[in-house]
Amino acid sequence: MDYITKEDIYRLLSIGELELKSTHKKLCLPIINRIYRKMKIGFKFSGISVCDNIIINGHHRYLASLLSTTSIDRTPTLKPSNIILINWDEIEYIDDDIESEERIIEHNITDAHFNGLSLEKLNELLK
């Protein structure tokens, strides 16, 4: 699997209920794919923020980790009072990228640094 599609996500959801609950109405497939590709080549990411079994921050990383069969740490956090749970199969998985090219580069710089690599090496590995 080189590129995650909505069908891949729905297939994951059909296997059974995910352990963690979602609080997002929309998730971005290009973001999931960027994280997934990095996880598949061994990149580590900071943990997702979780309260009880609810993801507070890290929905894209969580799905990418499940699809790439990569473990990701969970950091306990407090639950904001305005949280609304959304069923994973009710989320809109959008094809349009919600991040600018500048933001993608910022993420790549952060991810390269977190994994002890240069940005150039990260870009080489992603080719």
C-alpha atoms as a PDB file:
ATOM      1  CA  MET A   1       0.000   0.000   0.000  1.00  0.00           C
ATOM      2  CA  ASP A   2       1.788   3.135  -1.216  1.00  0.00           C
ATOM      3  CA  TYR A   3      -1.088   5.552  -0.936  1.00  0.00           C
ATOM      4  CA  ILE A   4      -3.922   5.450   1.589  1.00  0.00           C
ATOM      5  CA  THR A   5      -7.398   5.816   0.107  1.00  0.00           C
ATOM      6  CA  LYS A   6     -10.792   6.222   1.698  1.00  0.00           C
ATOM      7  CA  GLU A   7     -11.383   2.565   0.871  1.00  0.00           C
ATOM      8  CA  ASP A   8      -8.297   1.575   2.881  1.00  0.00           C
ATOM      9  CA  ILE A   9      -9.660   3.470   5.865  1.00  0.00           C
ATOM     10  CA  TYR A  10     -13.126   1.943   5.490  1.00  0.00           C
ATOM     11  CA  ARG A  11     -11.504  -1.502   5.247  1.00  0.00           C
ATOM     12  CA  LEU A  12      -9.657  -0.802   8.522  1.00  0.00           C
ATOM     13  CA  LEU A  13     -12.918   0.293  10.127  1.00  0.00           C
ATOM     14  CA  SER A  14     -14.721  -2.836   8.901  1.00  0.00           C
ATOM     15  CA  ILE A  15     -12.275  -5.092  10.757  1.00  0.00           C
ATOM     16  CA  GLY A  16     -13.650  -3.916  14.071  1.00  0.00           C
ATOM     17  CA  GLU A  17     -14.083  -0.962  16.371  1.00  0.00           C
ATOM     18  CA  LEU A  18     -10.994   1.172  16.832  1.00  0.00           C
ATOM     19  CA  GLU A  19      -9.662   1.321  20.361  1.00  0.00           C
ATOM     20  CA  LEU A  20      -9.666   5.113  20.515  1.00  0.00           C
ATOM     21  CA  LYS A  21     -12.577   7.461  19.853  1.00  0.00           C
ATOM     22  CA  SER A  22     -12.509  10.434  17.476  1.00  0.00           C
ATOM     23  CA  THR A  23     -13.469  14.036  18.054  1.00  0.00           C
ATOM     24  CA  HIS A  24     -12.963  15.264  14.467  1.00  0.00           C
ATOM     25  CA  LYS A  25     -15.634  15.621  11.792  1.00  0.00           C
ATOM     26  CA  LYS A  26     -13.077  15.749   8.948  1.00  0.00           C
ATOM     27  CA  LEU A  27      -9.652  14.249   8.370  1.00  0.00           C
ATOM     28  CA  CYS A  28      -7.285  15.003   5.511  1.00  0.00           C
ATOM     29  CA  LEU A  29      -6.094  12.093   3.349  1.00  0.00           C
ATOM     30  CA  PRO A  30      -2.950  13.898   2.139  1.00  0.00           C
ATOM     31  CA  ILE A  31      -1.859  14.447   5.766  1.00  0.00           C
ATOM     32  CA  ILE A  32      -2.549  10.806   6.642  1.00  0.00           C
ATOM     33  CA  ASN A  33      -0.536   9.784   3.581  1.00  0.00           C
ATOM     34  CA  ARG A  34       2.465  11.967   4.427  1.00  0.00           C
ATOM     35  CA  ILE A  35       2.603  10.542   7.939  1.00  0.00           C
ATOM     36  CA  TYR A  36       1.964   6.987   6.693  1.00  0.00           C
ATOM     37  CA  ARG A  37       4.846   7.160   4.189  1.00  0.00           C
ATOM     38  CA  LYS A  38       7.222   8.364   6.896  1.00  0.00           C
ATOM     39  CA  MET A  39       6.084   5.668   9.317  1.00  0.00           C
ATOM     40  CA  LYS A  40       6.585   2.981   6.653  1.00  0.00           C
ATOM     41  CA  ILE A  41      10.262   3.956   6.317  1.00  0.00           C
ATOM     42  CA  GLY A  42      10.742   3.880  10.088  1.00  0.00           C
ATOM     43  CA  PHE A  43      10.194   7.461  11.196  1.00  0.00           C
ATOM     44  CA  LYS A  44       9.068   8.003  14.776  1.00  0.00           C
ATOM     45  CA  PHE A  45       6.539  10.639  15.769  1.00  0.00           C
ATOM     46  CA  SER A  46       5.620  12.337  19.007  1.00  0.00           C
ATOM     47  CA  GLY A  47       2.809  10.656  20.886  1.00  0.00           C
ATOM     48  CA  ILE A  48      -0.852  11.386  20.446  1.00  0.00           C
ATOM     49  CA  SER A  49      -2.746  13.137  23.254  1.00  0.00           C
ATOM     50  CA  VAL A  50      -5.430  10.946  24.801  1.00  0.00           C
ATOM     51  CA  CYS A  51      -7.900  11.317  27.658  1.00  0.00           C
ATOM     52  CA  ASP A  52      -9.443   8.019  28.663  1.00  0.00           C
ATOM     53  CA  ASN A  53     -10.024   6.450  25.223  1.00  0.00           C
ATOM     54  CA  ILE A  54     -10.598   9.737  23.380  1.00  0.00           C
ATOM     55  CA  ILE A  55      -8.048  11.296  21.025  1.00  0.00           C
ATOM     56  CA  ILE A  56      -7.568  14.941  21.897  1.00  0.00           C
ATOM     57  CA  ASN A  57      -4.715  15.541  19.445  1.00  0.00           C
ATOM     58  CA  GLY A  58      -3.244  13.162  16.873  1.00  0.00           C
ATOM     59  CA  HIS A  59      -6.081  11.744  14.757  1.00  0.00           C
ATOM     60  CA  HIS A  60      -4.033  11.683  11.530  1.00  0.00           C
ATOM     61  CA  ARG A  61      -1.047  10.072  13.297  1.00  0.00           C
ATOM     62  CA  TYR A  62      -3.318   7.490  14.940  1.00  0.00           C
ATOM     63  CA  LEU A  63      -4.858   6.353  11.645  1.00  0.00           C
ATOM     64  CA  ALA A  64      -1.478   6.374   9.885  1.00  0.00           C
ATOM     65  CA  SER A  65      -0.010   4.250  12.678  1.00  0.00           C
ATOM     66  CA  LEU A  66      -2.811   1.686  12.402  1.00  0.00           C
ATOM     67  CA  LEU A  67      -2.550   1.521   8.619  1.00  0.00           C
ATOM     68  CA  SER A  68       1.246   1.191   8.713  1.00  0.00           C
ATOM     69  CA  THR A  69       1.160  -1.189  11.708  1.00  0.00           C
ATOM     70  CA  THR A  70       3.455   1.172  13.592  1.00  0.00           C
ATOM     71  CA  SER A  71       3.106   1.797  17.300  1.00  0.00           C
ATOM     72  CA  ILE A  72       2.718   5.344  18.545  1.00  0.00           C
ATOM     73  CA  ASP A  73       2.968   6.556  22.115  1.00  0.00           C
ATOM     74  CA  ARG A  74      -0.041   7.917  23.922  1.00  0.00           C
ATOM     75  CA  THR A  75       0.346  10.916  26.177  1.00  0.00           C
ATOM     76  CA  PRO A  76      -2.343  11.383  28.820  1.00  0.00           C
ATOM     77  CA  THR A  77      -3.958  14.817  28.744  1.00  0.00           C
ATOM     78  CA  LEU A  78      -7.003  16.611  30.047  1.00  0.00           C
ATOM     79  CA  LYS A  79     -10.255  16.557  28.103  1.00  0.00           C
ATOM     80  CA  PRO A  80     -11.580  19.935  26.987  1.00  0.00           C
ATOM     81  CA  SER A  81     -15.177  20.602  27.978  1.00  0.00           C
ATOM     82  CA  ASN A  82     -16.344  21.104  24.380  1.00  0.00           C
ATOM     83  CA  ILE A  83     -15.481  17.589  23.136  1.00  0.00           C
ATOM     84  CA  ILE A  84     -18.023  15.833  20.923  1.00  0.00           C
ATOM     85  CA  LEU A  85     -17.417  12.206  19.943  1.00  0.00           C
ATOM     86  CA  ILE A  86     -17.654  11.368  16.243  1.00  0.00           C
ATOM     87  CA  ASN A  87     -17.921   7.801  14.945  1.00  0.00           C
ATOM     88  CA  TRP A  88     -14.970   6.937  12.704  1.00  0.00           C
ATOM     89  CA  ASP A  89     -17.290   5.872   9.872  1.00  0.00           C
ATOM     90  CA  GLU A  90     -19.088   9.245  10.031  1.00  0.00           C
ATOM     91  CA  ILE A  91     -15.908  11.264   9.508  1.00  0.00           C
ATOM     92  CA  GLU A  92     -15.477  12.963   6.154  1.00  0.00           C
ATOM     93  CA  TYR A  93     -12.109  11.915   4.737  1.00  0.00           C
ATOM     94  CA  ILE A  94     -11.225  14.769   2.413  1.00  0.00           C
ATOM     95  CA  ASP A  95      -8.969  14.559  -0.642  1.00  0.00           C
ATOM     96  CA  ASP A  96      -8.028  18.248  -0.639  1.00  0.00           C
ATOM     97  CA  ASP A  97      -4.858  19.128   1.219  1.00  0.00           C
ATOM     98  CA  ILE A  98      -5.577  21.532   4.066  1.00  0.00           C
ATOM     99  CA  GLU A  99      -1.909  22.358   4.628  1.00  0.00           C
ATOM    100  CA  SER A 100       0.113  24.904   2.688  1.00  0.00           C
ATOM    101  CA  GLU A 101       3.408  23.964   1.059  1.00  0.00           C
ATOM    102  CA  GLU A 102       5.166  26.039   3.740  1.00  0.00           C
ATOM    103  CA  ARG A 103       3.446  24.087   6.534  1.00  0.00           C
ATOM    104  CA  ILE A 104       4.376  20.771   4.905  1.00  0.00           C
ATOM    105  CA  ILE A 105       8.016  21.894   4.794  1.00  0.00           C
ATOM    106  CA  GLU A 106       7.802  22.898   8.484  1.00  0.00           C
ATOM    107  CA  HIS A 107       6.496  19.414   9.340  1.00  0.00           C
ATOM    108  CA  ASN A 108       9.275  17.816   7.296  1.00  0.00           C
ATOM    109  CA  ILE A 109      11.921  19.877   9.098  1.00  0.00           C
ATOM    110  CA  THR A 110      10.430  18.933  12.482  1.00  0.00           C
ATOM    111  CA  ASP A 111      10.130  15.248  11.532  1.00  0.00           C
ATOM    112  CA  ALA A 112      13.686  15.114  10.187  1.00  0.00           C
ATOM    113  CA  HIS A 113      15.055  16.739  13.361  1.00  0.00           C
ATOM    114  CA  PHE A 114      12.958  14.439  15.613  1.00  0.00           C
ATOM    115  CA  ASN A 115      14.474  11.449  13.793  1.00  0.00           C
ATOM    116  CA  GLY A 116      18.031  12.772  13.765  1.00  0.00           C
ATOM    117  CA  LEU A 117      18.218  13.400  10.020  1.00  0.00           C
ATOM    118  CA  SER A 118      18.698  16.344   7.734  1.00  0.00           C
ATOM    119  CA  LEU A 119      15.825  17.623   5.647  1.00  0.00           C
ATOM    120  CA  GLU A 120      17.766  16.585   2.558  1.00  0.00           C
ATOM    121  CA  LYS A 121      18.021  12.983   3.828  1.00  0.00           C
ATOM    122  CA  LEU A 122      14.308  12.908   4.637  1.00  0.00           C
ATOM    123  CA  ASN A 123      13.465  14.117   1.135  1.00  0.00           C
ATOM    124  CA  GLU A 124      15.802  11.496  -0.343  1.00  0.00           C
ATOM    125  CA  LEU A 125      14.132   8.728   1.653  1.00  0.00           C
ATOM    126  CA  LEU A 126      10.664   9.832   0.547  1.00  0.00           C
ATOM    127  CA  LYS A 127      11.489   9.682  -3.177  1.00  0.00           C
END
